[in-house]
mmCIF file of all heavy atoms, coordinates in Angstrom:
data_MODEL
# 
_entry.id   MODEL 
# 
loop_
_atom_site.group_PDB 
_atom_site.id 
_atom_site.type_symbol 
_atom_site.label_atom_id 
_atom_site.label_alt_id 
_atom_site.label_comp_id 
_atom_site.label_asym_id 
_atom_site.label_entity_id 
_atom_site.label_seq_id 
_atom_site.pdbx_PDB_ins_code 
_atom_site.Cartn_x 
_atom_site.Cartn_y 
_atom_site.Cartn_z 
_atom_site.occupancy 
_atom_site.B_iso_or_equiv 
_atom_site.pdbx_formal_charge 
_atom_site.auth_seq_id 
_atom_site.auth_comp_id 
_atom_site.auth_asym_id 
_atom_site.auth_atom_id 
_atom_site.pdbx_PDB_model_num 
ATOM 1   N N   . ALA A 1 1  ? 111.831 100.468 87.908  1.00 0.00 ? 1  ALA A N   1 
ATOM 2   C CA  . ALA A 1 1  ? 112.280 101.850 87.734  1.00 0.00 ? 1  ALA A CA  1 
ATOM 3   C C   . ALA A 1 1  ? 113.538 101.894 86.869  1.00 0.00 ? 1  ALA A C   1 
ATOM 4   O O   . ALA A 1 1  ? 113.663 102.738 85.973  1.00 0.00 ? 1  ALA A O   1 
ATOM 5   C CB  . ALA A 1 1  ? 112.531 102.505 89.093  1.00 0.00 ? 1  ALA A CB  1 
ATOM 6   N N   . MET A 1 2  ? 114.451 100.977 87.115  1.00 0.00 ? 2  MET A N   1 
ATOM 7   C CA  . MET A 1 2  ? 115.679 100.933 86.328  1.00 0.00 ? 2  MET A CA  1 
ATOM 8   C C   . MET A 1 2  ? 115.391 100.642 84.861  1.00 0.00 ? 2  MET A C   1 
ATOM 9   O O   . MET A 1 2  ? 116.126 101.079 83.983  1.00 0.00 ? 2  MET A O   1 
ATOM 10  C CB  . MET A 1 2  ? 116.635 99.885  86.899  1.00 0.00 ? 2  MET A CB  1 
ATOM 11  C CG  . MET A 1 2  ? 117.217 100.283 88.243  1.00 0.00 ? 2  MET A CG  1 
ATOM 12  S SD  . MET A 1 2  ? 118.192 98.975  89.023  1.00 0.00 ? 2  MET A SD  1 
ATOM 13  C CE  . MET A 1 2  ? 119.462 98.715  87.794  1.00 0.00 ? 2  MET A CE  1 
ATOM 14  N N   . LYS A 1 3  ? 114.317 99.915  84.597  1.00 0.00 ? 3  LYS A N   1 
ATOM 15  C CA  . LYS A 1 3  ? 113.936 99.584  83.226  1.00 0.00 ? 3  LYS A CA  1 
ATOM 16  C C   . LYS A 1 3  ? 113.006 100.634 82.613  1.00 0.00 ? 3  LYS A C   1 
ATOM 17  O O   . LYS A 1 3  ? 112.612 100.512 81.462  1.00 0.00 ? 3  LYS A O   1 
ATOM 18  C CB  . LYS A 1 3  ? 113.271 98.207  83.205  1.00 0.00 ? 3  LYS A CB  1 
ATOM 19  C CG  . LYS A 1 3  ? 114.243 97.092  83.554  1.00 0.00 ? 3  LYS A CG  1 
ATOM 20  C CD  . LYS A 1 3  ? 113.566 95.759  83.737  1.00 0.00 ? 3  LYS A CD  1 
ATOM 21  C CE  . LYS A 1 3  ? 112.797 95.338  82.529  1.00 0.00 ? 3  LYS A CE  1 
ATOM 22  N NZ  . LYS A 1 3  ? 112.145 94.042  82.678  1.00 0.00 ? 3  LYS A NZ  1 
ATOM 23  N N   . GLY A 1 4  ? 112.629 101.658 83.397  1.00 0.00 ? 4  GLY A N   1 
ATOM 24  C CA  . GLY A 1 4  ? 111.766 102.714 82.879  1.00 0.00 ? 4  GLY A CA  1 
ATOM 25  C C   . GLY A 1 4  ? 110.298 102.335 82.790  1.00 0.00 ? 4  GLY A C   1 
ATOM 26  O O   . GLY A 1 4  ? 109.541 102.953 82.052  1.00 0.00 ? 4  GLY A O   1 
ATOM 27  N N   . GLN A 1 5  ? 109.879 101.347 83.548  1.00 0.00 ? 5  GLN A N   1 
ATOM 28  C CA  . GLN A 1 5  ? 108.506 100.841 83.499  1.00 0.00 ? 5  GLN A CA  1 
ATOM 29  C C   . GLN A 1 5  ? 107.611 101.631 84.468  1.00 0.00 ? 5  GLN A C   1 
ATOM 30  O O   . GLN A 1 5  ? 107.292 101.168 85.561  1.00 0.00 ? 5  GLN A O   1 
ATOM 31  C CB  . GLN A 1 5  ? 108.491 99.350  83.833  1.00 0.00 ? 5  GLN A CB  1 
ATOM 32  C CG  . GLN A 1 5  ? 109.324 98.509  82.903  1.00 0.00 ? 5  GLN A CG  1 
ATOM 33  C CD  . GLN A 1 5  ? 108.755 98.487  81.501  1.00 0.00 ? 5  GLN A CD  1 
ATOM 34  O OE1 . GLN A 1 5  ? 107.551 98.408  81.308  1.00 0.00 ? 5  GLN A OE1 1 
ATOM 35  N NE2 . GLN A 1 5  ? 109.617 98.567  80.517  1.00 0.00 ? 5  GLN A NE2 1 
ATOM 36  N N   . LYS A 1 6  ? 107.181 102.807 84.058  1.00 0.00 ? 6  LYS A N   1 
ATOM 37  C CA  . LYS A 1 6  ? 106.469 103.724 84.949  1.00 0.00 ? 6  LYS A CA  1 
ATOM 38  C C   . LYS A 1 6  ? 105.158 103.150 85.492  1.00 0.00 ? 6  LYS A C   1 
ATOM 39  O O   . LYS A 1 6  ? 104.884 103.261 86.687  1.00 0.00 ? 6  LYS A O   1 
ATOM 40  C CB  . LYS A 1 6  ? 106.212 105.051 84.244  1.00 0.00 ? 6  LYS A CB  1 
ATOM 41  C CG  . LYS A 1 6  ? 107.481 105.808 83.947  1.00 0.00 ? 6  LYS A CG  1 
ATOM 42  C CD  . LYS A 1 6  ? 107.204 107.118 83.242  1.00 0.00 ? 6  LYS A CD  1 
ATOM 43  C CE  . LYS A 1 6  ? 108.518 107.859 83.002  1.00 0.00 ? 6  LYS A CE  1 
ATOM 44  N NZ  . LYS A 1 6  ? 108.283 109.187 82.451  1.00 0.00 ? 6  LYS A NZ  1 
ATOM 45  N N   . GLU A 1 7  ? 104.342 102.567 84.644  1.00 0.00 ? 7  GLU A N   1 
ATOM 46  C CA  . GLU A 1 7  ? 103.065 102.014 85.110  1.00 0.00 ? 7  GLU A CA  1 
ATOM 47  C C   . GLU A 1 7  ? 103.291 100.850 86.065  1.00 0.00 ? 7  GLU A C   1 
ATOM 48  O O   . GLU A 1 7  ? 102.565 100.693 87.043  1.00 0.00 ? 7  GLU A O   1 
ATOM 49  C CB  . GLU A 1 7  ? 102.192 101.585 83.925  1.00 0.00 ? 7  GLU A CB  1 
ATOM 50  C CG  . GLU A 1 7  ? 101.667 102.754 83.112  1.00 0.00 ? 7  GLU A CG  1 
ATOM 51  C CD  . GLU A 1 7  ? 100.812 103.714 83.935  1.00 0.00 ? 7  GLU A CD  1 
ATOM 52  O OE1 . GLU A 1 7  ? 99.956  103.249 84.710  1.00 0.00 ? 7  GLU A OE1 1 
ATOM 53  O OE2 . GLU A 1 7  ? 101.002 104.936 83.796  1.00 0.00 ? 7  GLU A OE2 1 
ATOM 54  N N   . ALA A 1 8  ? 104.303 100.046 85.793  1.00 0.00 ? 8  ALA A N   1 
ATOM 55  C CA  . ALA A 1 8  ? 104.618 98.927  86.687  1.00 0.00 ? 8  ALA A CA  1 
ATOM 56  C C   . ALA A 1 8  ? 105.083 99.446  88.040  1.00 0.00 ? 8  ALA A C   1 
ATOM 57  O O   . ALA A 1 8  ? 104.691 98.917  89.082  1.00 0.00 ? 8  ALA A O   1 
ATOM 58  C CB  . ALA A 1 8  ? 105.672 98.024  86.060  1.00 0.00 ? 8  ALA A CB  1 
ATOM 59  N N   . VAL A 1 9  ? 105.905 100.509 88.045  1.00 0.00 ? 9  VAL A N   1 
ATOM 60  C CA  . VAL A 1 9  ? 106.372 101.093 89.306  1.00 0.00 ? 9  VAL A CA  1 
ATOM 61  C C   . VAL A 1 9  ? 105.173 101.532 90.137  1.00 0.00 ? 9  VAL A C   1 
ATOM 62  O O   . VAL A 1 9  ? 105.093 101.246 91.338  1.00 0.00 ? 9  VAL A O   1 
ATOM 63  C CB  . VAL A 1 9  ? 107.317 102.286 89.050  1.00 0.00 ? 9  VAL A CB  1 
ATOM 64  C CG1 . VAL A 1 9  ? 107.548 103.084 90.322  1.00 0.00 ? 9  VAL A CG1 1 
ATOM 65  C CG2 . VAL A 1 9  ? 108.645 101.797 88.486  1.00 0.00 ? 9  VAL A CG2 1 
ATOM 66  N N   . LYS A 1 10 ? 104.246 102.209 89.493  1.00 0.00 ? 10 LYS A N   1 
ATOM 67  C CA  . LYS A 1 10 ? 103.062 102.698 90.211  1.00 0.00 ? 10 LYS A CA  1 
ATOM 68  C C   . LYS A 1 10 ? 102.263 101.531 90.804  1.00 0.00 ? 10 LYS A C   1 
ATOM 69  O O   . LYS A 1 10 ? 101.886 101.553 91.978  1.00 0.00 ? 10 LYS A O   1 
ATOM 70  C CB  . LYS A 1 10 ? 102.189 103.519 89.274  1.00 0.00 ? 10 LYS A CB  1 
ATOM 71  C CG  . LYS A 1 10 ? 100.993 104.124 89.931  1.00 0.00 ? 10 LYS A CG  1 
ATOM 72  C CD  . LYS A 1 10 ? 100.227 105.021 88.976  1.00 0.00 ? 10 LYS A CD  1 
ATOM 73  C CE  . LYS A 1 10 ? 99.059  105.625 89.719  1.00 0.00 ? 10 LYS A CE  1 
ATOM 74  N NZ  . LYS A 1 10 ? 98.414  106.695 89.006  1.00 0.00 ? 10 LYS A NZ  1 
ATOM 75  N N   . ALA A 1 11 ? 102.014 100.519 90.012  1.00 0.00 ? 11 ALA A N   1 
ATOM 76  C CA  . ALA A 1 11 ? 101.216 99.376  90.468  1.00 0.00 ? 11 ALA A CA  1 
ATOM 77  C C   . ALA A 1 11 ? 101.913 98.623  91.595  1.00 0.00 ? 11 ALA A C   1 
ATOM 78  O O   . ALA A 1 11 ? 101.283 98.262  92.597  1.00 0.00 ? 11 ALA A O   1 
ATOM 79  C CB  . ALA A 1 11 ? 100.929 98.434  89.289  1.00 0.00 ? 11 ALA A CB  1 
ATOM 80  N N   . VAL A 1 12 ? 103.209 98.395  91.456  1.00 0.00 ? 12 VAL A N   1 
ATOM 81  C CA  . VAL A 1 12 ? 103.922 97.634  92.474  1.00 0.00 ? 12 VAL A CA  1 
ATOM 82  C C   . VAL A 1 12 ? 104.081 98.458  93.751  1.00 0.00 ? 12 VAL A C   1 
ATOM 83  O O   . VAL A 1 12 ? 104.036 97.913  94.855  1.00 0.00 ? 12 VAL A O   1 
ATOM 84  C CB  . VAL A 1 12 ? 105.277 97.121  91.947  1.00 0.00 ? 12 VAL A CB  1 
ATOM 85  C CG1 . VAL A 1 12 ? 106.034 96.371  93.031  1.00 0.00 ? 12 VAL A CG1 1 
ATOM 86  C CG2 . VAL A 1 12 ? 105.059 96.205  90.741  1.00 0.00 ? 12 VAL A CG2 1 
ATOM 87  N N   . ALA A 1 13 ? 104.228 99.771  93.619  1.00 0.00 ? 13 ALA A N   1 
ATOM 88  C CA  . ALA A 1 13 ? 104.299 100.621 94.816  1.00 0.00 ? 13 ALA A CA  1 
ATOM 89  C C   . ALA A 1 13 ? 102.996 100.538 95.601  1.00 0.00 ? 13 ALA A C   1 
ATOM 90  O O   . ALA A 1 13 ? 103.011 100.469 96.836  1.00 0.00 ? 13 ALA A O   1 
ATOM 91  C CB  . ALA A 1 13 ? 104.601 102.064 94.435  1.00 0.00 ? 13 ALA A CB  1 
ATOM 92  N N   . ASP A 1 14 ? 101.871 100.511 94.904  1.00 0.00 ? 14 ASP A N   1 
ATOM 93  C CA  . ASP A 1 14 ? 100.583 100.346 95.594  1.00 0.00 ? 14 ASP A CA  1 
ATOM 94  C C   . ASP A 1 14 ? 100.541 99.004  96.325  1.00 0.00 ? 14 ASP A C   1 
ATOM 95  O O   . ASP A 1 14 ? 100.081 98.918  97.461  1.00 0.00 ? 14 ASP A O   1 
ATOM 96  C CB  . ASP A 1 14 ? 99.418  100.449 94.601  1.00 0.00 ? 14 ASP A CB  1 
ATOM 97  C CG  . ASP A 1 14 ? 99.213  101.854 94.060  1.00 0.00 ? 14 ASP A CG  1 
ATOM 98  O OD1 . ASP A 1 14 ? 99.728  102.813 94.670  1.00 0.00 ? 14 ASP A OD1 1 
ATOM 99  O OD2 . ASP A 1 14 ? 98.531  101.990 93.027  1.00 0.00 ? 14 ASP A OD2 1 
ATOM 100 N N   . ARG A 1 15 ? 101.029 97.971  95.661  1.00 0.00 ? 15 ARG A N   1 
ATOM 101 C CA  . ARG A 1 15 ? 101.058 96.648  96.291  1.00 0.00 ? 15 ARG A CA  1 
ATOM 102 C C   . ARG A 1 15 ? 101.992 96.656  97.503  1.00 0.00 ? 15 ARG A C   1 
ATOM 103 O O   . ARG A 1 15 ? 101.657 96.122  98.561  1.00 0.00 ? 15 ARG A O   1 
ATOM 104 C CB  . ARG A 1 15 ? 101.499 95.584  95.285  1.00 0.00 ? 15 ARG A CB  1 
ATOM 105 C CG  . ARG A 1 15 ? 101.488 94.181  95.883  1.00 0.00 ? 15 ARG A CG  1 
ATOM 106 C CD  . ARG A 1 15 ? 101.799 93.117  94.867  1.00 0.00 ? 15 ARG A CD  1 
ATOM 107 N NE  . ARG A 1 15 ? 103.208 93.164  94.515  1.00 0.00 ? 15 ARG A NE  1 
ATOM 108 C CZ  . ARG A 1 15 ? 103.690 92.857  93.311  1.00 0.00 ? 15 ARG A CZ  1 
ATOM 109 N NH1 . ARG A 1 15 ? 102.894 92.494  92.335  1.00 0.00 ? 15 ARG A NH1 1 
ATOM 110 N NH2 . ARG A 1 15 ? 104.983 92.906  93.074  1.00 0.00 ? 15 ARG A NH2 1 
ATOM 111 N N   . ALA A 1 16 ? 103.150 97.288  97.367  1.00 0.00 ? 16 ALA A N   1 
ATOM 112 C CA  . ALA A 1 16 ? 104.101 97.346  98.486  1.00 0.00 ? 16 ALA A CA  1 
ATOM 113 C C   . ALA A 1 16 ? 103.485 98.069  99.680  1.00 0.00 ? 16 ALA A C   1 
ATOM 114 O O   . ALA A 1 16 ? 103.662 97.646  100.827 1.00 0.00 ? 16 ALA A O   1 
ATOM 115 C CB  . ALA A 1 16 ? 105.391 98.041  98.043  1.00 0.00 ? 16 ALA A CB  1 
ATOM 116 N N   . ARG A 1 17 ? 102.755 99.143  99.424  1.00 0.00 ? 17 ARG A N   1 
ATOM 117 C CA  . ARG A 1 17 ? 102.091 99.859  100.524 1.00 0.00 ? 17 ARG A CA  1 
ATOM 118 C C   . ARG A 1 17 ? 101.085 98.948  101.224 1.00 0.00 ? 17 ARG A C   1 
ATOM 119 O O   . ARG A 1 17 ? 100.988 98.947  102.444 1.00 0.00 ? 17 ARG A O   1 
ATOM 120 C CB  . ARG A 1 17 ? 101.408 101.117 100.002 1.00 0.00 ? 17 ARG A CB  1 
ATOM 121 C CG  . ARG A 1 17 ? 102.350 102.253 99.724  1.00 0.00 ? 17 ARG A CG  1 
ATOM 122 C CD  . ARG A 1 17 ? 101.606 103.540 99.314  1.00 0.00 ? 17 ARG A CD  1 
ATOM 123 N NE  . ARG A 1 17 ? 102.558 104.560 98.963  1.00 0.00 ? 17 ARG A NE  1 
ATOM 124 C CZ  . ARG A 1 17 ? 103.036 104.764 97.747  1.00 0.00 ? 17 ARG A CZ  1 
ATOM 125 N NH1 . ARG A 1 17 ? 102.626 104.021 96.727  1.00 0.00 ? 17 ARG A NH1 1 
ATOM 126 N NH2 . ARG A 1 17 ? 103.917 105.721 97.521  1.00 0.00 ? 17 ARG A NH2 1 
ATOM 127 N N   . SER A 1 18 ? 100.353 98.166  100.433 1.00 0.00 ? 18 SER A N   1 
ATOM 128 C CA  . SER A 1 18 ? 99.369  97.259  101.040 1.00 0.00 ? 18 SER A CA  1 
ATOM 129 C C   . SER A 1 18 ? 100.057 96.160  101.845 1.00 0.00 ? 18 SER A C   1 
ATOM 130 O O   . SER A 1 18 ? 99.439  95.551  102.715 1.00 0.00 ? 18 SER A O   1 
ATOM 131 C CB  . SER A 1 18 ? 98.447  96.661  99.972  1.00 0.00 ? 18 SER A CB  1 
ATOM 132 O OG  . SER A 1 18 ? 99.114  95.662  99.221  1.00 0.00 ? 18 SER A OG  1 
ATOM 133 N N   . GLN A 1 19 ? 101.331 95.923  101.561 1.00 0.00 ? 19 GLN A N   1 
ATOM 134 C CA  . GLN A 1 19 ? 102.113 94.921  102.292 1.00 0.00 ? 19 GLN A CA  1 
ATOM 135 C C   . GLN A 1 19 ? 102.864 95.544  103.466 1.00 0.00 ? 19 GLN A C   1 
ATOM 136 O O   . GLN A 1 19 ? 103.647 94.872  104.123 1.00 0.00 ? 19 GLN A O   1 
ATOM 137 C CB  . GLN A 1 19 ? 103.097 94.236  101.340 1.00 0.00 ? 19 GLN A CB  1 
ATOM 138 C CG  . GLN A 1 19 ? 102.404 93.421  100.265 1.00 0.00 ? 19 GLN A CG  1 
ATOM 139 C CD  . GLN A 1 19 ? 103.333 93.028  99.134  1.00 0.00 ? 19 GLN A CD  1 
ATOM 140 O OE1 . GLN A 1 19 ? 104.284 93.733  98.797  1.00 0.00 ? 19 GLN A OE1 1 
ATOM 141 N NE2 . GLN A 1 19 ? 103.047 91.878  98.522  1.00 0.00 ? 19 GLN A NE2 1 
ATOM 142 N N   . GLY A 1 20 ? 102.637 96.844  103.694 1.00 0.00 ? 20 GLY A N   1 
ATOM 143 C CA  . GLY A 1 20 ? 103.237 97.505  104.845 1.00 0.00 ? 20 GLY A CA  1 
ATOM 144 C C   . GLY A 1 20 ? 104.443 98.369  104.561 1.00 0.00 ? 20 GLY A C   1 
ATOM 145 O O   . GLY A 1 20 ? 105.076 98.874  105.497 1.00 0.00 ? 20 GLY A O   1 
ATOM 146 N N   . ALA A 1 21 ? 104.791 98.565  103.296 1.00 0.00 ? 21 ALA A N   1 
ATOM 147 C CA  . ALA A 1 21 ? 105.935 99.424  102.976 1.00 0.00 ? 21 ALA A CA  1 
ATOM 148 C C   . ALA A 1 21 ? 105.624 100.860 103.371 1.00 0.00 ? 21 ALA A C   1 
ATOM 149 O O   . ALA A 1 21 ? 104.521 101.359 103.145 1.00 0.00 ? 21 ALA A O   1 
ATOM 150 C CB  . ALA A 1 21 ? 106.266 99.359  101.483 1.00 0.00 ? 21 ALA A CB  1 
ATOM 151 N N   . THR A 1 22 ? 106.606 101.507 103.957 1.00 0.00 ? 22 THR A N   1 
ATOM 152 C CA  . THR A 1 22 ? 106.443 102.901 104.373 1.00 0.00 ? 22 THR A CA  1 
ATOM 153 C C   . THR A 1 22 ? 106.875 103.830 103.239 1.00 0.00 ? 22 THR A C   1 
ATOM 154 O O   . THR A 1 22 ? 107.577 103.414 102.308 1.00 0.00 ? 22 THR A O   1 
ATOM 155 C CB  . THR A 1 22 ? 107.301 103.203 105.606 1.00 0.00 ? 22 THR A CB  1 
ATOM 156 O OG1 . THR A 1 22 ? 108.686 103.086 105.238 1.00 0.00 ? 22 THR A OG1 1 
ATOM 157 C CG2 . THR A 1 22 ? 106.976 102.256 106.761 1.00 0.00 ? 22 THR A CG2 1 
ATOM 158 N N   . ASP A 1 23 ? 106.472 105.089 103.353 1.00 0.00 ? 23 ASP A N   1 
ATOM 159 C CA  . ASP A 1 23 ? 106.923 106.076 102.370 1.00 0.00 ? 23 ASP A CA  1 
ATOM 160 C C   . ASP A 1 23 ? 108.446 106.168 102.377 1.00 0.00 ? 23 ASP A C   1 
ATOM 161 O O   . ASP A 1 23 ? 109.070 106.319 101.327 1.00 0.00 ? 23 ASP A O   1 
ATOM 162 C CB  . ASP A 1 23 ? 106.309 107.444 102.663 1.00 0.00 ? 23 ASP A CB  1 
ATOM 163 C CG  . ASP A 1 23 ? 104.816 107.493 102.340 1.00 0.00 ? 23 ASP A CG  1 
ATOM 164 O OD1 . ASP A 1 23 ? 104.338 106.649 101.551 1.00 0.00 ? 23 ASP A OD1 1 
ATOM 165 O OD2 . ASP A 1 23 ? 104.127 108.381 102.869 1.00 0.00 ? 23 ASP A OD2 1 
ATOM 166 N N   . GLY A 1 24 ? 109.051 106.058 103.564 1.00 0.00 ? 24 GLY A N   1 
ATOM 167 C CA  . GLY A 1 24 ? 110.505 106.108 103.656 1.00 0.00 ? 24 GLY A CA  1 
ATOM 168 C C   . GLY A 1 24 ? 111.175 104.966 102.914 1.00 0.00 ? 24 GLY A C   1 
ATOM 169 O O   . GLY A 1 24 ? 112.193 105.163 102.236 1.00 0.00 ? 24 GLY A O   1 
# 
């Protein structure tokens, strides 16, 4: 996000959710 990598943010957020990351 700090680097402005929007597609990477989206992809990694999906991965984080699959690893148990909460919306919070």
